[in-house]
PDB file of N, CA and C in Angstrom:
ATOM      1  N   MET A   1     -11.530   6.783  -7.330  1.00  0.00           N
ATOM      2  CA  MET A   1     -10.307   6.445  -8.009  1.00  0.00           C
ATOM      3  C   MET A   1     -10.064   4.946  -7.860  1.00  0.00           C
ATOM      4  N   LYS A   2      -9.503   4.331  -8.869  1.00  0.00           N
ATOM      5  CA  LYS A   2      -9.171   2.908  -8.833  1.00  0.00           C
ATOM      6  C   LYS A   2      -7.668   2.750  -9.011  1.00  0.00           C
ATOM      7  N   VAL A   3      -7.036   1.975  -8.096  1.00  0.00           N
ATOM      8  CA  VAL A   3      -5.607   1.690  -8.164  1.00  0.00           C
ATOM      9  C   VAL A   3      -5.396   0.200  -7.925  1.00  0.00           C
ATOM     10  N   THR A   4      -4.217  -0.274  -8.277  1.00  0.00           N
ATOM     11  CA  THR A   4      -3.801  -1.630  -7.956  1.00  0.00           C
ATOM     12  C   THR A   4      -2.845  -1.541  -6.783  1.00  0.00           C
ATOM     13  N   VAL A   5      -3.089  -2.336  -5.753  1.00  0.00           N
ATOM     14  CA  VAL A   5      -2.236  -2.356  -4.573  1.00  0.00           C
ATOM     15  C   VAL A   5      -1.493  -3.676  -4.544  1.00  0.00           C
ATOM     16  N   ARG A   6      -0.187  -3.591  -4.319  1.00  0.00           N
ATOM     17  CA  ARG A   6       0.638  -4.794  -4.184  1.00  0.00           C
ATOM     18  C   ARG A   6       1.115  -4.897  -2.746  1.00  0.00           C
ATOM     19  N   TYR A   7       1.089  -6.111  -2.212  1.00  0.00           N
ATOM     20  CA  TYR A   7       1.504  -6.365  -0.836  1.00  0.00           C
ATOM     21  C   TYR A   7       2.686  -7.330  -0.829  1.00  0.00           C
ATOM     22  N   PHE A   8       3.548  -7.173   0.158  1.00  0.00           N
ATOM     23  CA  PHE A   8       4.707  -8.039   0.306  1.00  0.00           C
ATOM     24  C   PHE A   8       4.817  -8.523   1.750  1.00  0.00           C
ATOM     25  N   ALA A   9       5.412  -9.690   1.925  1.00  0.00           N
ATOM     26  CA  ALA A   9       5.752 -10.274   3.224  1.00  0.00           C
ATOM     27  C   ALA A   9       4.554 -10.292   4.170  1.00  0.00           C
ATOM     28  N   GLN A  10       4.706  -9.690   5.373  1.00  0.00           N
ATOM     29  CA  GLN A  10       3.647  -9.739   6.382  1.00  0.00           C
ATOM     30  C   GLN A  10       2.355  -9.103   5.889  1.00  0.00           C
ATOM     31  N   LEU A  11       2.464  -8.093   5.057  1.00  0.00           N
ATOM     32  CA  LEU A  11       1.259  -7.429   4.548  1.00  0.00           C
ATOM     33  C   LEU A  11       0.486  -8.352   3.617  1.00  0.00           C
ATOM     34  N   ARG A  12       1.211  -9.103   2.788  1.00  0.00           N
ATOM     35  CA  ARG A  12       0.563 -10.074   1.892  1.00  0.00           C
ATOM     36  C   ARG A  12      -0.170 -11.133   2.710  1.00  0.00           C
ATOM     37  N   ASP A  13       0.470 -11.601   3.781  1.00  0.00           N
ATOM     38  CA  ASP A  13      -0.165 -12.602   4.640  1.00  0.00           C
ATOM     39  C   ASP A  13      -1.435 -12.037   5.281  1.00  0.00           C
ATOM     40  N   ALA A  14      -1.366 -10.810   5.771  1.00  0.00           N
ATOM     41  CA  ALA A  14      -2.520 -10.200   6.442  1.00  0.00           C
ATOM     42  C   ALA A  14      -3.666  -9.928   5.473  1.00  0.00           C
ATOM     43  N   ALA A  15      -3.335  -9.511   4.253  1.00  0.00           N
ATOM     44  CA  ALA A  15      -4.365  -9.211   3.255  1.00  0.00           C
ATOM     45  C   ALA A  15      -4.909 -10.481   2.598  1.00  0.00           C
ATOM     46  N   GLY A  16      -4.133 -11.552   2.664  1.00  0.00           N
ATOM     47  CA  GLY A  16      -4.564 -12.805   2.047  1.00  0.00           C
ATOM     48  C   GLY A  16      -4.396 -12.813   0.541  1.00  0.00           C
ATOM     49  N   THR A  17      -3.627 -11.854   0.018  1.00  0.00           N
ATOM     50  CA  THR A  17      -3.403 -11.764  -1.425  1.00  0.00           C
ATOM     51  C   THR A  17      -2.136 -10.948  -1.682  1.00  0.00           C
ATOM     52  N   GLY A  18      -1.544 -11.153  -2.826  1.00  0.00           N
ATOM     53  CA  GLY A  18      -0.366 -10.379  -3.214  1.00  0.00           C
ATOM     54  C   GLY A  18      -0.713  -9.051  -3.865  1.00  0.00           C
ATOM     55  N   SER A  19      -1.942  -8.955  -4.390  1.00  0.00           N
ATOM     56  CA  SER A  19      -2.358  -7.689  -5.005  1.00  0.00           C
ATOM     57  C   SER A  19      -3.878  -7.661  -5.102  1.00  0.00           C
ATOM     58  N   GLU A  20      -4.396  -6.448  -5.209  1.00  0.00           N
ATOM     59  CA  GLU A  20      -5.831  -6.279  -5.385  1.00  0.00           C
ATOM     60  C   GLU A  20      -6.110  -4.934  -6.025  1.00  0.00           C
ATOM     61  N   GLN A  21      -7.232  -4.864  -6.711  1.00  0.00           N
ATOM     62  CA  GLN A  21      -7.741  -3.599  -7.253  1.00  0.00           C
ATOM     63  C   GLN A  21      -8.576  -2.955  -6.157  1.00  0.00           C
ATOM     64  N   VAL A  22      -8.328  -1.677  -5.919  1.00  0.00           N
ATOM     65  CA  VAL A  22      -9.046  -0.971  -4.863  1.00  0.00           C
ATOM     66  C   VAL A  22      -9.647   0.293  -5.449  1.00  0.00           C
ATOM     67  N   GLU A  23     -10.894   0.527  -5.123  1.00  0.00           N
ATOM     68  CA  GLU A  23     -11.573   1.735  -5.574  1.00  0.00           C
ATOM     69  C   GLU A  23     -12.059   2.492  -4.351  1.00  0.00           C
ATOM     70  N   GLY A  24     -11.836   3.799  -4.336  1.00  0.00           N
ATOM     71  CA  GLY A  24     -12.278   4.587  -3.194  1.00  0.00           C
ATOM     72  C   GLY A  24     -11.922   6.051  -3.339  1.00  0.00           C
ATOM     73  N   ASP A  25     -12.190   6.776  -2.283  1.00  0.00           N
ATOM     74  CA  ASP A  25     -11.954   8.213  -2.250  1.00  0.00           C
ATOM     75  C   ASP A  25     -10.646   8.488  -1.516  1.00  0.00           C
ATOM     76  N   PHE A  26      -9.539   8.345  -2.209  1.00  0.00           N
ATOM     77  CA  PHE A  26      -8.220   8.614  -1.638  1.00  0.00           C
ATOM     78  C   PHE A  26      -7.397   9.364  -2.668  1.00  0.00           C
ATOM     79  N   ARG A  27      -6.530  10.220  -2.183  1.00  0.00           N
ATOM     80  CA  ARG A  27      -5.719  11.056  -3.080  1.00  0.00           C
ATOM     81  C   ARG A  27      -4.222  10.832  -2.927  1.00  0.00           C
ATOM     82  N   THR A  28      -3.821  10.209  -1.808  1.00  0.00           N
ATOM     83  CA  THR A  28      -2.409   9.973  -1.525  1.00  0.00           C
ATOM     84  C   THR A  28      -2.237   8.544  -1.010  1.00  0.00           C
ATOM     85  N   PRO A  29      -1.005   8.028  -0.995  1.00  0.00           N
ATOM     86  CA  PRO A  29      -0.791   6.725  -0.373  1.00  0.00           C
ATOM     87  C   PRO A  29      -1.212   6.701   1.101  1.00  0.00           C
ATOM     88  N   ALA A  30      -1.075   7.824   1.814  1.00  0.00           N
ATOM     89  CA  ALA A  30      -1.516   7.883   3.211  1.00  0.00           C
ATOM     90  C   ALA A  30      -3.022   7.669   3.301  1.00  0.00           C
ATOM     91  N   ASP A  31      -3.782   8.328   2.430  1.00  0.00           N
ATOM     92  CA  ASP A  31      -5.235   8.127   2.388  1.00  0.00           C
ATOM     93  C   ASP A  31      -5.575   6.677   2.044  1.00  0.00           C
ATOM     94  N   LEU A  32      -4.857   6.129   1.082  1.00  0.00           N
ATOM     95  CA  LEU A  32      -5.087   4.744   0.660  1.00  0.00           C
ATOM     96  C   LEU A  32      -4.790   3.783   1.805  1.00  0.00           C
ATOM     97  N   TRP A  33      -3.692   4.026   2.527  1.00  0.00           N
ATOM     98  CA  TRP A  33      -3.332   3.158   3.647  1.00  0.00           C
ATOM     99  C   TRP A  33      -4.443   3.159   4.700  1.00  0.00           C
ATOM    100  N   THR A  34      -4.977   4.335   5.007  1.00  0.00           N
ATOM    101  CA  THR A  34      -6.086   4.437   5.957  1.00  0.00           C
ATOM    102  C   THR A  34      -7.283   3.629   5.468  1.00  0.00           C
ATOM    103  N   HIS A  35      -7.588   3.749   4.177  1.00  0.00           N
ATOM    104  CA  HIS A  35      -8.691   2.986   3.562  1.00  0.00           C
ATOM    105  C   HIS A  35      -8.440   1.484   3.700  1.00  0.00           C
ATOM    106  N   LEU A  36      -7.213   1.045   3.429  1.00  0.00           N
ATOM    107  CA  LEU A  36      -6.885  -0.379   3.486  1.00  0.00           C
ATOM    108  C   LEU A  36      -6.922  -0.913   4.916  1.00  0.00           C
ATOM    109  N   CYS A  37      -6.502  -0.094   5.878  1.00  0.00           N
ATOM    110  CA  CYS A  37      -6.499  -0.535   7.279  1.00  0.00           C
ATOM    111  C   CYS A  37      -7.916  -0.764   7.800  1.00  0.00           C
ATOM    112  N   ALA A  38      -8.898  -0.149   7.172  1.00  0.00           N
ATOM    113  CA  ALA A  38     -10.290  -0.388   7.548  1.00  0.00           C
ATOM    114  C   ALA A  38     -10.767  -1.747   7.024  1.00  0.00           C
ATOM    115  N   ARG A  39     -10.048  -2.305   6.050  1.00  0.00           N
ATOM    116  CA  ARG A  39     -10.441  -3.587   5.444  1.00  0.00           C
ATOM    117  C   ARG A  39      -9.612  -4.763   5.939  1.00  0.00           C
ATOM    118  N   HIS A  40      -8.368  -4.492   6.336  1.00  0.00           N
ATOM    119  CA  HIS A  40      -7.431  -5.546   6.739  1.00  0.00           C
ATOM    120  C   HIS A  40      -6.825  -5.210   8.093  1.00  0.00           C
ATOM    121  N   VAL A  41      -6.378  -6.229   8.801  1.00  0.00           N
ATOM    122  CA  VAL A  41      -5.655  -6.033  10.056  1.00  0.00           C
ATOM    123  C   VAL A  41      -4.175  -6.253   9.758  1.00  0.00           C
ATOM    124  N   PHE A  42      -3.443  -5.162   9.585  1.00  0.00           N
ATOM    125  CA  PHE A  42      -2.027  -5.248   9.244  1.00  0.00           C
ATOM    126  C   PHE A  42      -1.170  -5.222  10.505  1.00  0.00           C
ATOM    127  N   PRO A  43      -0.059  -5.977  10.516  1.00  0.00           N
ATOM    128  CA  PRO A  43       0.802  -6.024  11.695  1.00  0.00           C
ATOM    129  C   PRO A  43       1.753  -4.829  11.803  1.00  0.00           C
ATOM    130  N   LEU A  44       1.775  -3.971  10.797  1.00  0.00           N
ATOM    131  CA  LEU A  44       2.681  -2.824  10.779  1.00  0.00           C
ATOM    132  C   LEU A  44       1.906  -1.545  10.528  1.00  0.00           C
ATOM    133  N   GLY A  45       2.450  -0.449  11.002  1.00  0.00           N
ATOM    134  CA  GLY A  45       1.861   0.851  10.735  1.00  0.00           C
ATOM    135  C   GLY A  45       2.585   1.558   9.612  1.00  0.00           C
ATOM    136  N   ALA A  46       2.035   2.649   9.163  1.00  0.00           N
ATOM    137  CA  ALA A  46       2.614   3.406   8.050  1.00  0.00           C
ATOM    138  C   ALA A  46       4.051   3.829   8.336  1.00  0.00           C
ATOM    139  N   ALA A  47       4.372   4.139   9.586  1.00  0.00           N
ATOM    140  CA  ALA A  47       5.729   4.576   9.937  1.00  0.00           C
ATOM    141  C   ALA A  47       6.760   3.469   9.706  1.00  0.00           C
ATOM    142  N   ASP A  48       6.309   2.225   9.634  1.00  0.00           N
ATOM    143  CA  ASP A  48       7.201   1.081   9.436  1.00  0.00           C
ATOM    144  C   ASP A  48       7.389   0.713   7.967  1.00  0.00           C
ATOM    145  N   LEU A  49       6.703   1.399   7.068  1.00  0.00           N
ATOM    146  CA  LEU A  49       6.665   0.993   5.661  1.00  0.00           C
ATOM    147  C   LEU A  49       7.318   2.009   4.740  1.00  0.00           C
ATOM    148  N   ARG A  50       7.688   1.524   3.565  1.00  0.00           N
ATOM    149  CA  ARG A  50       8.013   2.387   2.421  1.00  0.00           C
ATOM    150  C   ARG A  50       6.881   2.196   1.432  1.00  0.00           C
ATOM    151  N   VAL A  51       6.681   3.198   0.597  1.00  0.00           N
ATOM    152  CA  VAL A  51       5.628   3.094  -0.407  1.00  0.00           C
ATOM    153  C   VAL A  51       6.209   3.450  -1.768  1.00  0.00           C
ATOM    154  N   SER A  52       5.775   2.724  -2.787  1.00  0.00           N
ATOM    155  CA  SER A  52       6.161   3.074  -4.151  1.00  0.00           C
ATOM    156  C   SER A  52       4.900   3.225  -4.990  1.00  0.00           C
ATOM    157  N   VAL A  53       4.969   4.138  -5.931  1.00  0.00           N
ATOM    158  CA  VAL A  53       3.900   4.352  -6.893  1.00  0.00           C
ATOM    159  C   VAL A  53       4.513   4.194  -8.269  1.00  0.00           C
ATOM    160  N   ASN A  54       3.974   3.250  -9.027  1.00  0.00           N
ATOM    161  CA  ASN A  54       4.487   2.959 -10.368  1.00  0.00           C
ATOM    162  C   ASN A  54       5.989   2.703 -10.344  1.00  0.00           C
ATOM    163  N   ALA A  55       6.409   1.872  -9.358  1.00  0.00           N
ATOM    164  CA  ALA A  55       7.789   1.396  -9.207  1.00  0.00           C
ATOM    165  C   ALA A  55       8.789   2.486  -8.828  1.00  0.00           C
ATOM    166  N   ARG A  56       8.323   3.586  -8.228  1.00  0.00           N
ATOM    167  CA  ARG A  56       9.225   4.641  -7.730  1.00  0.00           C
ATOM    168  C   ARG A  56       8.858   4.936  -6.282  1.00  0.00           C
ATOM    169  N   TYR A  57       9.877   4.934  -5.416  1.00  0.00           N
ATOM    170  CA  TYR A  57       9.613   5.296  -4.026  1.00  0.00           C
ATOM    171  C   TYR A  57       9.142   6.732  -3.947  1.00  0.00           C
ATOM    172  N   VAL A  58       8.100   6.957  -3.151  1.00  0.00           N
ATOM    173  CA  VAL A  58       7.529   8.292  -2.992  1.00  0.00           C
ATOM    174  C   VAL A  58       7.187   8.501  -1.516  1.00  0.00           C
ATOM    175  N   PRO A  59       6.988   9.754  -1.098  1.00  0.00           N
ATOM    176  CA  PRO A  59       6.490  10.005   0.252  1.00  0.00           C
ATOM    177  C   PRO A  59       5.018   9.592   0.365  1.00  0.00           C
ATOM    178  N   PHE A  60       4.566   9.354   1.576  1.00  0.00           N
ATOM    179  CA  PHE A  60       3.180   8.966   1.796  1.00  0.00           C
ATOM    180  C   PHE A  60       2.195  10.060   1.393  1.00  0.00           C
ATOM    181  N   GLU A  61       2.657  11.277   1.230  1.00  0.00           N
ATOM    182  CA  GLU A  61       1.775  12.388   0.840  1.00  0.00           C
ATOM    183  C   GLU A  61       1.820  12.696  -0.661  1.00  0.00           C
ATOM    184  N   ALA A  62       2.486  11.856  -1.448  1.00  0.00           N
ATOM    185  CA  ALA A  62       2.557  12.068  -2.904  1.00  0.00           C
ATOM    186  C   ALA A  62       1.159  11.881  -3.509  1.00  0.00           C
ATOM    187  N   PRO A  63       0.850  12.588  -4.581  1.00  0.00           N
ATOM    188  CA  PRO A  63      -0.464  12.415  -5.208  1.00  0.00           C
ATOM    189  C   PRO A  63      -0.573  11.073  -5.941  1.00  0.00           C
ATOM    190  N   LEU A  64      -1.777  10.531  -5.929  1.00  0.00           N
ATOM    191  CA  LEU A  64      -2.076   9.320  -6.692  1.00  0.00           C
ATOM    192  C   LEU A  64      -2.927   9.683  -7.896  1.00  0.00           C
ATOM    193  N   GLY A  65      -2.811   8.871  -8.954  1.00  0.00           N
ATOM    194  CA  GLY A  65      -3.624   9.050 -10.147  1.00  0.00           C
ATOM    195  C   GLY A  65      -4.389   7.778 -10.469  1.00  0.00           C
ATOM    196  N   GLU A  66      -5.426   7.927 -11.236  1.00  0.00           N
ATOM    197  CA  GLU A  66      -6.232   6.794 -11.688  1.00  0.00           C
ATOM    198  C   GLU A  66      -5.335   5.742 -12.337  1.00  0.00           C
ATOM    199  N   GLY A  67      -5.477   4.476 -11.909  1.00  0.00           N
ATOM    200  CA  GLY A  67      -4.748   3.377 -12.505  1.00  0.00           C
ATOM    201  C   GLY A  67      -3.343   3.164 -11.975  1.00  0.00           C
ATOM    202  N   ASP A  68      -2.902   3.956 -11.002  1.00  0.00           N
ATOM    203  CA  ASP A  68      -1.560   3.776 -10.442  1.00  0.00           C
ATOM    204  C   ASP A  68      -1.422   2.405  -9.789  1.00  0.00           C
ATOM    205  N   GLU A  69      -0.180   1.921  -9.744  1.00  0.00           N
ATOM    206  CA  GLU A  69       0.146   0.717  -8.996  1.00  0.00           C
ATOM    207  C   GLU A  69       0.893   1.153  -7.749  1.00  0.00           C
ATOM    208  N   VAL A  70       0.347   0.823  -6.596  1.00  0.00           N
ATOM    209  CA  VAL A  70       0.906   1.241  -5.312  1.00  0.00           C
ATOM    210  C   VAL A  70       1.382   0.007  -4.570  1.00  0.00           C
ATOM    211  N   ALA A  71       2.621   0.038  -4.083  1.00  0.00           N
ATOM    212  CA  ALA A  71       3.161  -1.073  -3.305  1.00  0.00           C
ATOM    213  C   ALA A  71       3.546  -0.572  -1.925  1.00  0.00           C
ATOM    214  N   PHE A  72       3.063  -1.260  -0.903  1.00  0.00           N
ATOM    215  CA  PHE A  72       3.465  -0.978   0.467  1.00  0.00           C
ATOM    216  C   PHE A  72       4.508  -2.022   0.839  1.00  0.00           C
ATOM    217  N   ILE A  73       5.687  -1.559   1.237  1.00  0.00           N
ATOM    218  CA  ILE A  73       6.836  -2.447   1.392  1.00  0.00           C
ATOM    219  C   ILE A  73       7.306  -2.428   2.842  1.00  0.00           C
ATOM    220  N   PRO A  74       7.224  -3.572   3.519  1.00  0.00           N
ATOM    221  CA  PRO A  74       7.673  -3.654   4.905  1.00  0.00           C
ATOM    222  C   PRO A  74       9.199  -3.760   4.980  1.00  0.00           C
ATOM    223  N   PRO A  75       9.769  -3.603   6.176  1.00  0.00           N
ATOM    224  CA  PRO A  75      11.215  -3.792   6.323  1.00  0.00           C
ATOM    225  C   PRO A  75      11.597  -5.201   5.899  1.00  0.00           C
ATOM    226  N   VAL A  76      12.774  -5.332   5.364  1.00  0.00           N
ATOM    227  CA  VAL A  76      13.251  -6.626   4.885  1.00  0.00           C
ATOM    228  C   VAL A  76      14.446  -7.048   5.735  1.00  0.00           C
ATOM    229  N   SER A  77      14.431  -8.305   6.147  1.00  0.00           N
ATOM    230  CA  SER A  77      15.601  -8.841   6.832  1.00  0.00           C
ATOM    231  C   SER A  77      16.019 -10.097   6.091  1.00  0.00           C
ATOM    232  N   GLY A  78      17.257 -10.418   6.191  1.00  0.00           N
ATOM    233  CA  GLY A  78      17.745 -11.592   5.471  1.00  0.00           C
ATOM    234  C   GLY A  78      18.844 -12.259   6.277  1.00  0.00           C
ATOM    235  N   GLY A  79      19.281 -13.338   5.741  1.00  0.00           N
ATOM    236  CA  GLY A  79      20.336 -14.029   6.474  1.00  0.00           C
ATOM    237  C   GLY A  79      20.867 -15.172   5.696  1.00  0.00           C
TER     238      GLY A  79
END
C-alpha cells in the first residue's frame, strides 16, 4: 500500500521532512507508525500522538486505504 505521511513539529524535525510517500505492508495507522519508527528516530511514542486520515481524526486502529494522507500530530503548546 502507498500513502502520504505528513509530519508536524518534533516529528517533522526527526524525519527531516514535512511529508513523504511511504509504501509498505500496513493496514492501520498503528502498523504505519511501527513501519515509520523503523526508519526514523522519533522523540514521541504513539500514546503521545493524535492521528488523522484524510483530514479526519481517527483511532490508531482505523483501516487505511491506498492513497490515504496520514498525519501524525504531536501535542501542541503555545504562549
